[in-house]
Each structure stands twice: as C-alpha cells, then as structure tokens.
Amino acid sequence: MRKITSLLFVFLIGFHILSITTYASWAYPFVVYDENVYVVSETHIEPNNIGKKIGDVSKYSDLEGTYSGNFSNQFPKGTEYYEIKGLTAKEAIAIKESKESFIKAINNGKYAGSGEYEHKNHIMNHLLVYVIGVVLLFLIIYLFYKRRKK
C-alpha cells in the first residue's frame, strides 16, 4: 500500500508540473484595441492631432498569456485610446500617457487571443489532460490490484 501511495503522489506531482503553463515577458510593448494588436512606438503625437476617444485599457498584465478585451502589457487599466487625425484606427491609434502627452501605436494585425473561445479552449485542454491522467492512474491501480490477487 505504501508503494501505491508513493507512486500516486509522484504521478500526480509529475503530471501537474508537466501541465503547468510557463510565463515569460513580452517581446515588445503593445495595446489591444478592437481585436487588433498595436505596437507602441516612440513617436509622440501633438494634442492638436488627436481625434475623439475610442476606448481604454480594460486589463493590464506584464505576464505573457491570452487575454480578452482592450488589453495592454505596458499601460495600466483605464489608459485612454484616441483617434489620430488623418489616420484610420486600422492604421494607428494614440495612447494617452499624461494630460497633454500622447504616443502613437501602430496596428500590427489581429490579436491571437482576441476571442473568449481561445481562453475556454485552453481551459478545456487542461481539464482534458487532468481527466485523462486520473483515468490512467485508476487503470494502473486497478491492474496492480488485479495482478496482486493472482
């Protein structure tokens, strides 16, 4: 019985370690707006070139992962997004850094984690891995006891 308990403990710890998602830092600063990634540039925009407010950061994180909504890895929740006069929001947007300071962010295409589907799918994949692991564990224990009774 002691061997089975030890085997079970090692199996569960090992299985958990193998299924953990690792996190790293982002490659570059960005914001997500309207399911598109905008790479933050070093170009400052004059306040007279700023159009209307189009949104704001709804979630901030400096850990890599998949997030939904208007997400940023540099700016805190509540940071505002604005149109830039003469450009469409599909090309670039302005991010308000302070009262009179705006910085340009250039569209870099669709955000890979833009839908709730990816997040739910990620959770389901982890759940499926755990369920399969538990089923295999019970199968191993069953076979061990069956063999022992012979």
N, C-alpha and C. Protein backbone atom coordinates (compact mmCIF):
# COMPACT_ATOMS: atom_id res chain seq x y z
N MET A 1 0.82 -1.20 0.00
CA MET A 1 0.00 0.00 0.00
C MET A 1 0.86 1.26 0.00
N ARG A 2 1.99 1.19 0.71
CA ARG A 2 2.89 2.33 0.78
C ARG A 2 3.47 2.65 -0.60
N LYS A 3 3.77 1.60 -1.39
CA LYS A 3 4.30 1.80 -2.74
C LYS A 3 3.27 2.48 -3.63
N ILE A 4 2.01 2.07 -3.50
CA ILE A 4 0.95 2.66 -4.31
C ILE A 4 0.76 4.13 -3.95
N THR A 5 0.76 4.44 -2.67
CA THR A 5 0.62 5.83 -2.24
C THR A 5 1.78 6.67 -2.76
N SER A 6 2.99 6.14 -2.67
CA SER A 6 4.15 6.88 -3.17
C SER A 6 4.06 7.07 -4.68
N LEU A 7 3.67 6.00 -5.39
CA LEU A 7 3.52 6.08 -6.83
C LEU A 7 2.45 7.11 -7.21
N LEU A 8 1.35 7.09 -6.52
CA LEU A 8 0.26 8.03 -6.76
C LEU A 8 0.74 9.47 -6.54
N PHE A 9 1.44 9.70 -5.46
CA PHE A 9 1.94 11.04 -5.14
C PHE A 9 2.91 11.53 -6.21
N VAL A 10 3.87 10.70 -6.59
CA VAL A 10 4.85 11.08 -7.62
C VAL A 10 4.16 11.32 -8.95
N PHE A 11 3.22 10.46 -9.29
CA PHE A 11 2.49 10.60 -10.54
C PHE A 11 1.72 11.92 -10.60
N LEU A 12 0.99 12.25 -9.56
CA LEU A 12 0.21 13.48 -9.54
C LEU A 12 1.09 14.72 -9.57
N ILE A 13 2.17 14.73 -8.80
CA ILE A 13 3.08 15.88 -8.80
C ILE A 13 3.73 16.04 -10.17
N GLY A 14 4.22 14.95 -10.74
CA GLY A 14 4.84 15.00 -12.06
C GLY A 14 3.87 15.43 -13.13
N PHE A 15 2.66 14.92 -13.08
CA PHE A 15 1.64 15.28 -14.05
C PHE A 15 1.29 16.76 -13.96
N HIS A 16 1.21 17.26 -12.73
CA HIS A 16 0.90 18.68 -12.54
C HIS A 16 2.02 19.56 -13.07
N ILE A 17 3.25 19.21 -12.81
CA ILE A 17 4.39 20.00 -13.28
C ILE A 17 4.43 20.03 -14.81
N LEU A 18 4.15 18.91 -15.45
CA LEU A 18 4.18 18.86 -16.91
C LEU A 18 3.06 19.68 -17.56
N SER A 19 1.98 19.88 -16.86
CA SER A 19 0.84 20.59 -17.45
C SER A 19 0.79 22.07 -17.09
N ILE A 20 1.75 22.57 -16.32
CA ILE A 20 1.77 23.98 -15.93
C ILE A 20 2.19 24.84 -17.12
N THR A 21 1.49 25.95 -17.31
CA THR A 21 1.86 26.90 -18.34
C THR A 21 2.99 27.78 -17.81
N THR A 22 4.02 27.96 -18.63
CA THR A 22 5.12 28.84 -18.22
C THR A 22 4.87 30.24 -18.76
N TYR A 23 5.32 31.22 -18.01
CA TYR A 23 5.13 32.60 -18.39
C TYR A 23 6.49 33.26 -18.61
N ALA A 24 6.52 34.19 -19.53
CA ALA A 24 7.74 34.95 -19.81
C ALA A 24 7.34 36.39 -20.05
N SER A 25 8.32 37.24 -20.24
CA SER A 25 7.99 38.63 -20.51
C SER A 25 7.68 38.81 -21.99
N TRP A 26 6.93 39.84 -22.31
CA TRP A 26 6.53 40.13 -23.69
C TRP A 26 7.73 40.60 -24.50
N ALA A 27 7.67 40.40 -25.81
CA ALA A 27 8.76 40.80 -26.71
C ALA A 27 8.80 42.31 -26.93
N TYR A 28 7.64 42.97 -26.88
CA TYR A 28 7.56 44.41 -27.12
C TYR A 28 6.30 44.97 -26.46
N PRO A 29 6.29 46.27 -26.16
CA PRO A 29 5.09 46.88 -25.55
C PRO A 29 3.98 47.03 -26.59
N PHE A 30 2.75 46.73 -26.17
CA PHE A 30 1.63 46.85 -27.09
C PHE A 30 0.32 47.09 -26.34
N VAL A 31 -0.71 47.46 -27.11
CA VAL A 31 -2.08 47.53 -26.61
C VAL A 31 -2.95 46.75 -27.59
N VAL A 32 -4.08 46.29 -27.12
CA VAL A 32 -5.05 45.63 -27.99
C VAL A 32 -6.29 46.52 -28.03
N TYR A 33 -6.73 46.82 -29.24
CA TYR A 33 -7.96 47.60 -29.43
C TYR A 33 -8.73 46.98 -30.59
N ASP A 34 -10.00 46.73 -30.40
CA ASP A 34 -10.87 46.19 -31.44
C ASP A 34 -10.28 44.90 -32.04
N GLU A 35 -9.74 44.03 -31.17
CA GLU A 35 -9.17 42.74 -31.52
C GLU A 35 -7.93 42.84 -32.42
N ASN A 36 -7.26 44.00 -32.42
CA ASN A 36 -6.02 44.19 -33.16
C ASN A 36 -4.91 44.57 -32.19
N VAL A 37 -3.68 44.14 -32.51
CA VAL A 37 -2.50 44.48 -31.71
C VAL A 37 -1.90 45.76 -32.27
N TYR A 38 -1.63 46.71 -31.39
CA TYR A 38 -0.97 47.96 -31.77
C TYR A 38 0.34 48.04 -31.01
N VAL A 39 1.46 48.04 -31.77
CA VAL A 39 2.78 48.11 -31.17
C VAL A 39 3.05 49.57 -30.80
N VAL A 40 3.46 49.78 -29.56
CA VAL A 40 3.73 51.13 -29.06
C VAL A 40 5.04 51.62 -29.67
N SER A 41 4.97 52.79 -30.32
CA SER A 41 6.16 53.39 -30.91
C SER A 41 6.73 54.44 -29.96
N GLU A 42 7.79 55.11 -30.40
CA GLU A 42 8.36 56.20 -29.63
C GLU A 42 7.94 57.55 -30.18
N THR A 43 6.99 57.54 -31.13
CA THR A 43 6.52 58.76 -31.77
C THR A 43 5.46 59.43 -30.91
N HIS A 44 5.71 60.66 -30.52
CA HIS A 44 4.72 61.43 -29.76
C HIS A 44 3.83 62.19 -30.72
N ILE A 45 2.56 62.29 -30.38
CA ILE A 45 1.57 62.97 -31.21
C ILE A 45 1.17 64.27 -30.51
N GLU A 46 1.15 65.34 -31.26
CA GLU A 46 0.74 66.64 -30.71
C GLU A 46 -0.76 66.60 -30.36
N PRO A 47 -1.15 67.24 -29.26
CA PRO A 47 -2.57 67.23 -28.85
C PRO A 47 -3.53 67.75 -29.92
N ASN A 48 -3.08 68.67 -30.78
CA ASN A 48 -3.98 69.19 -31.82
C ASN A 48 -4.21 68.17 -32.94
N ASN A 49 -3.47 67.07 -32.97
CA ASN A 49 -3.67 66.00 -33.96
C ASN A 49 -4.47 64.82 -33.40
N ILE A 50 -5.01 65.00 -32.21
CA ILE A 50 -5.78 63.94 -31.55
C ILE A 50 -7.27 64.11 -31.86
N GLY A 51 -7.90 63.00 -32.24
CA GLY A 51 -9.34 62.99 -32.51
C GLY A 51 -10.12 62.58 -31.27
N LYS A 52 -11.24 61.91 -31.51
CA LYS A 52 -12.11 61.53 -30.40
C LYS A 52 -11.59 60.28 -29.68
N LYS A 53 -12.03 60.14 -28.44
CA LYS A 53 -11.69 58.96 -27.63
C LYS A 53 -12.39 57.74 -28.23
N ILE A 54 -11.66 56.62 -28.37
CA ILE A 54 -12.25 55.42 -28.97
C ILE A 54 -12.26 54.22 -28.02
N GLY A 55 -11.61 54.35 -26.87
CA GLY A 55 -11.60 53.24 -25.93
C GLY A 55 -10.58 53.44 -24.83
N ASP A 56 -10.40 52.40 -24.02
CA ASP A 56 -9.38 52.45 -22.97
C ASP A 56 -8.95 51.04 -22.59
N VAL A 57 -7.86 50.95 -21.87
CA VAL A 57 -7.32 49.66 -21.44
C VAL A 57 -8.27 49.06 -20.40
N SER A 58 -8.70 47.82 -20.63
CA SER A 58 -9.59 47.15 -19.68
C SER A 58 -8.85 46.14 -18.81
N LYS A 59 -7.64 45.74 -19.23
CA LYS A 59 -6.85 44.79 -18.45
C LYS A 59 -5.37 45.02 -18.73
N TYR A 60 -4.57 44.99 -17.66
CA TYR A 60 -3.12 45.10 -17.77
C TYR A 60 -2.47 43.85 -17.19
N SER A 61 -1.42 43.36 -17.84
CA SER A 61 -0.60 42.29 -17.28
C SER A 61 0.77 42.34 -17.92
N ASP A 62 1.81 42.10 -17.12
CA ASP A 62 3.16 42.03 -17.68
C ASP A 62 3.61 40.58 -17.84
N LEU A 63 2.68 39.63 -17.66
CA LEU A 63 2.97 38.22 -17.86
C LEU A 63 2.35 37.76 -19.17
N GLU A 64 3.11 37.02 -19.96
CA GLU A 64 2.57 36.51 -21.21
C GLU A 64 1.38 35.62 -20.93
N GLY A 65 0.41 35.70 -21.80
CA GLY A 65 -0.78 34.90 -21.65
C GLY A 65 -1.78 35.33 -22.71
N THR A 66 -2.97 34.80 -22.62
CA THR A 66 -4.03 35.15 -23.55
C THR A 66 -5.09 35.90 -22.78
N TYR A 67 -5.34 37.14 -23.20
CA TYR A 67 -6.29 38.00 -22.50
C TYR A 67 -7.30 38.53 -23.50
N SER A 68 -8.49 38.83 -23.03
CA SER A 68 -9.52 39.36 -23.92
C SER A 68 -9.75 40.84 -23.61
N GLY A 69 -10.41 41.51 -24.54
CA GLY A 69 -10.73 42.92 -24.35
C GLY A 69 -9.59 43.83 -24.76
N ASN A 70 -9.67 45.08 -24.34
CA ASN A 70 -8.64 46.08 -24.64
C ASN A 70 -7.51 45.92 -23.64
N PHE A 71 -6.61 45.06 -23.97
CA PHE A 71 -5.54 44.63 -23.09
C PHE A 71 -4.24 45.37 -23.40
N SER A 72 -3.39 45.54 -22.38
CA SER A 72 -2.07 46.12 -22.59
C SER A 72 -1.05 45.45 -21.68
N ASN A 73 0.18 45.38 -22.19
CA ASN A 73 1.28 44.88 -21.37
C ASN A 73 2.17 46.02 -20.88
N GLN A 74 1.76 47.27 -21.16
CA GLN A 74 2.55 48.42 -20.72
C GLN A 74 1.73 49.45 -19.95
N PHE A 75 0.50 49.69 -20.38
CA PHE A 75 -0.30 50.75 -19.79
C PHE A 75 -1.33 50.21 -18.80
N PRO A 76 -1.55 50.93 -17.70
CA PRO A 76 -2.50 50.45 -16.68
C PRO A 76 -3.95 50.54 -17.15
N LYS A 77 -4.79 49.78 -16.47
CA LYS A 77 -6.23 49.81 -16.73
C LYS A 77 -6.72 51.25 -16.65
N GLY A 78 -7.54 51.63 -17.63
CA GLY A 78 -8.09 52.98 -17.67
C GLY A 78 -7.36 53.93 -18.62
N THR A 79 -6.17 53.55 -19.09
CA THR A 79 -5.44 54.39 -20.05
C THR A 79 -6.28 54.52 -21.32
N GLU A 80 -6.41 55.74 -21.82
CA GLU A 80 -7.34 56.02 -22.92
C GLU A 80 -6.69 55.90 -24.29
N TYR A 81 -7.50 55.44 -25.28
CA TYR A 81 -7.11 55.37 -26.68
C TYR A 81 -7.84 56.46 -27.44
N TYR A 82 -7.16 57.08 -28.41
CA TYR A 82 -7.75 58.14 -29.22
C TYR A 82 -7.45 57.91 -30.70
N GLU A 83 -8.31 58.49 -31.55
CA GLU A 83 -8.04 58.52 -32.98
C GLU A 83 -6.92 59.52 -33.24
N ILE A 84 -6.19 59.31 -34.33
CA ILE A 84 -5.20 60.29 -34.78
C ILE A 84 -5.76 60.91 -36.05
N LYS A 85 -5.87 62.23 -36.07
CA LYS A 85 -6.41 62.93 -37.24
C LYS A 85 -5.57 62.60 -38.47
N GLY A 86 -6.25 62.26 -39.56
CA GLY A 86 -5.57 61.93 -40.81
C GLY A 86 -5.26 60.45 -40.96
N LEU A 87 -5.47 59.64 -39.91
CA LEU A 87 -5.25 58.21 -39.97
C LEU A 87 -6.50 57.48 -39.51
N THR A 88 -6.71 56.30 -40.03
CA THR A 88 -7.83 55.48 -39.54
C THR A 88 -7.34 54.67 -38.35
N ALA A 89 -8.27 54.20 -37.55
CA ALA A 89 -7.92 53.37 -36.39
C ALA A 89 -7.34 52.04 -36.84
N LYS A 90 -7.55 51.64 -38.08
CA LYS A 90 -6.96 50.41 -38.61
C LYS A 90 -5.47 50.58 -38.88
N GLU A 91 -5.01 51.84 -39.02
CA GLU A 91 -3.59 52.11 -39.27
C GLU A 91 -2.82 52.32 -37.96
N ALA A 92 -3.34 53.24 -37.13
CA ALA A 92 -2.66 53.58 -35.87
C ALA A 92 -3.64 54.28 -34.94
N ILE A 93 -3.32 54.25 -33.65
CA ILE A 93 -4.10 54.98 -32.64
C ILE A 93 -3.14 55.74 -31.74
N ALA A 94 -3.69 56.67 -30.97
CA ALA A 94 -2.90 57.41 -29.99
C ALA A 94 -3.26 56.91 -28.60
N ILE A 95 -2.26 56.80 -27.75
CA ILE A 95 -2.45 56.37 -26.37
C ILE A 95 -2.09 57.53 -25.47
N LYS A 96 -2.99 57.86 -24.57
CA LYS A 96 -2.77 59.00 -23.68
C LYS A 96 -1.83 58.59 -22.55
N GLU A 97 -0.63 59.21 -22.54
CA GLU A 97 0.35 58.92 -21.50
C GLU A 97 0.14 59.80 -20.28
N SER A 98 -0.22 61.06 -20.52
CA SER A 98 -0.49 62.01 -19.45
C SER A 98 -1.45 63.06 -20.00
N LYS A 99 -1.71 64.12 -19.24
CA LYS A 99 -2.72 65.11 -19.62
C LYS A 99 -2.52 65.66 -21.03
N GLU A 100 -1.31 66.00 -21.41
CA GLU A 100 -1.04 66.58 -22.73
C GLU A 100 -0.06 65.75 -23.56
N SER A 101 0.15 64.49 -23.20
CA SER A 101 1.12 63.65 -23.89
C SER A 101 0.45 62.42 -24.48
N PHE A 102 0.61 62.24 -25.78
CA PHE A 102 0.05 61.10 -26.49
C PHE A 102 1.16 60.41 -27.28
N ILE A 103 1.09 59.09 -27.32
CA ILE A 103 2.09 58.31 -28.05
C ILE A 103 1.39 57.45 -29.10
N LYS A 104 2.05 57.28 -30.24
CA LYS A 104 1.47 56.54 -31.36
C LYS A 104 1.68 55.04 -31.20
N ALA A 105 0.64 54.27 -31.52
CA ALA A 105 0.72 52.80 -31.54
C ALA A 105 0.26 52.35 -32.94
N ILE A 106 1.07 51.54 -33.59
CA ILE A 106 0.85 51.15 -34.98
C ILE A 106 0.25 49.74 -35.04
N ASN A 107 -0.81 49.60 -35.86
CA ASN A 107 -1.51 48.32 -36.00
C ASN A 107 -0.55 47.26 -36.53
N ASN A 108 -0.54 46.11 -35.86
CA ASN A 108 0.34 45.01 -36.23
C ASN A 108 -0.48 43.75 -36.56
N GLY A 109 -1.78 43.91 -36.83
CA GLY A 109 -2.62 42.77 -37.20
C GLY A 109 -3.50 42.29 -36.06
N LYS A 110 -4.20 41.20 -36.32
CA LYS A 110 -5.14 40.62 -35.36
C LYS A 110 -4.42 40.07 -34.13
N TYR A 111 -5.04 40.25 -32.97
CA TYR A 111 -4.51 39.71 -31.72
C TYR A 111 -4.88 38.25 -31.64
N ALA A 112 -3.90 37.39 -31.42
CA ALA A 112 -4.12 35.94 -31.40
C ALA A 112 -5.10 35.50 -30.32
N GLY A 113 -5.15 36.22 -29.20
CA GLY A 113 -6.03 35.83 -28.11
C GLY A 113 -7.27 36.68 -28.04
N SER A 114 -7.77 37.13 -29.20
CA SER A 114 -8.85 38.10 -29.19
C SER A 114 -10.22 37.56 -28.83
N GLY A 115 -10.40 36.25 -28.83
CA GLY A 115 -11.73 35.72 -28.54
C GLY A 115 -11.80 34.95 -27.24
N GLU A 116 -12.99 34.88 -26.69
CA GLU A 116 -13.21 34.08 -25.49
C GLU A 116 -13.05 32.60 -25.82
N TYR A 117 -13.25 32.23 -27.10
CA TYR A 117 -13.15 30.84 -27.49
C TYR A 117 -11.78 30.26 -27.17
N GLU A 118 -10.71 31.01 -27.48
CA GLU A 118 -9.37 30.52 -27.22
C GLU A 118 -9.16 30.27 -25.73
N HIS A 119 -9.66 31.17 -24.89
CA HIS A 119 -9.49 31.02 -23.45
C HIS A 119 -10.24 29.78 -22.95
N LYS A 120 -11.48 29.62 -23.38
CA LYS A 120 -12.25 28.45 -22.96
C LYS A 120 -11.63 27.17 -23.50
N ASN A 121 -11.12 27.22 -24.72
CA ASN A 121 -10.48 26.05 -25.31
C ASN A 121 -9.22 25.68 -24.53
N HIS A 122 -8.47 26.68 -24.08
CA HIS A 122 -7.27 26.47 -23.29
C HIS A 122 -7.62 25.77 -21.96
N ILE A 123 -8.67 26.23 -21.30
CA ILE A 123 -9.11 25.63 -20.04
C ILE A 123 -9.57 24.19 -20.28
N MET A 124 -10.32 23.97 -21.36
CA MET A 124 -10.82 22.64 -21.65
C MET A 124 -9.67 21.68 -21.95
N ASN A 125 -8.62 22.15 -22.63
CA ASN A 125 -7.48 21.29 -22.91
C ASN A 125 -6.79 20.86 -21.62
N HIS A 126 -6.63 21.79 -20.67
CA HIS A 126 -6.02 21.44 -19.39
C HIS A 126 -6.91 20.48 -18.61
N LEU A 127 -8.19 20.72 -18.61
CA LEU A 127 -9.12 19.83 -17.92
C LEU A 127 -9.08 18.43 -18.53
N LEU A 128 -9.04 18.36 -19.84
CA LEU A 128 -8.97 17.08 -20.52
C LEU A 128 -7.70 16.32 -20.14
N VAL A 129 -6.58 17.01 -20.05
CA VAL A 129 -5.32 16.38 -19.66
C VAL A 129 -5.43 15.80 -18.25
N TYR A 130 -5.99 16.56 -17.32
CA TYR A 130 -6.17 16.06 -15.95
C TYR A 130 -7.10 14.85 -15.90
N VAL A 131 -8.20 14.90 -16.62
CA VAL A 131 -9.15 13.78 -16.63
C VAL A 131 -8.48 12.52 -17.17
N ILE A 132 -7.75 12.67 -18.28
CA ILE A 132 -7.06 11.51 -18.85
C ILE A 132 -6.03 10.97 -17.85
N GLY A 133 -5.32 11.86 -17.19
CA GLY A 133 -4.34 11.44 -16.19
C GLY A 133 -4.96 10.67 -15.04
N VAL A 134 -6.08 11.14 -14.55
CA VAL A 134 -6.76 10.46 -13.43
C VAL A 134 -7.28 9.10 -13.89
N VAL A 135 -7.84 9.01 -15.09
CA VAL A 135 -8.33 7.73 -15.61
C VAL A 135 -7.17 6.74 -15.74
N LEU A 136 -6.05 7.20 -16.28
CA LEU A 136 -4.88 6.33 -16.39
C LEU A 136 -4.38 5.87 -15.02
N LEU A 137 -4.39 6.77 -14.06
CA LEU A 137 -3.96 6.42 -12.71
C LEU A 137 -4.84 5.33 -12.12
N PHE A 138 -6.15 5.49 -12.23
CA PHE A 138 -7.06 4.47 -11.71
C PHE A 138 -6.89 3.14 -12.45
N LEU A 139 -6.63 3.20 -13.74
CA LEU A 139 -6.39 1.99 -14.52
C LEU A 139 -5.13 1.27 -14.03
N ILE A 140 -4.09 2.02 -13.76
CA ILE A 140 -2.84 1.44 -13.25
C ILE A 140 -3.07 0.79 -11.88
N ILE A 141 -3.78 1.48 -11.01
CA ILE A 141 -4.07 0.93 -9.67
C ILE A 141 -4.93 -0.33 -9.79
N TYR A 142 -5.93 -0.31 -10.65
CA TYR A 142 -6.80 -1.47 -10.85
C TYR A 142 -5.99 -2.67 -11.34
N LEU A 143 -5.14 -2.45 -12.35
CA LEU A 143 -4.33 -3.53 -12.89
C LEU A 143 -3.34 -4.06 -11.84
N PHE A 144 -2.80 -3.17 -11.02
CA PHE A 144 -1.88 -3.57 -9.96
C PHE A 144 -2.58 -4.50 -8.96
N TYR A 145 -3.77 -4.12 -8.50
CA TYR A 145 -4.51 -4.95 -7.54
C TYR A 145 -4.96 -6.26 -8.17
N LYS A 146 -5.36 -6.22 -9.42
CA LYS A 146 -5.82 -7.42 -10.11
C LYS A 146 -4.66 -8.41 -10.25
N ARG A 147 -3.50 -7.91 -10.57
CA ARG A 147 -2.30 -8.75 -10.72
C ARG A 147 -1.86 -9.30 -9.36
N ARG A 148 -2.02 -8.51 -8.33
CA ARG A 148 -1.59 -8.91 -6.99
C ARG A 148 -2.45 -10.05 -6.42
N LYS A 149 -3.74 -10.06 -6.78
CA LYS A 149 -4.66 -11.08 -6.28
C LYS A 149 -4.38 -12.45 -6.90
N LYS A 150 -3.71 -12.50 -8.04
CA LYS A 150 -3.43 -13.78 -8.70
C LYS A 150 -2.40 -14.58 -8.01
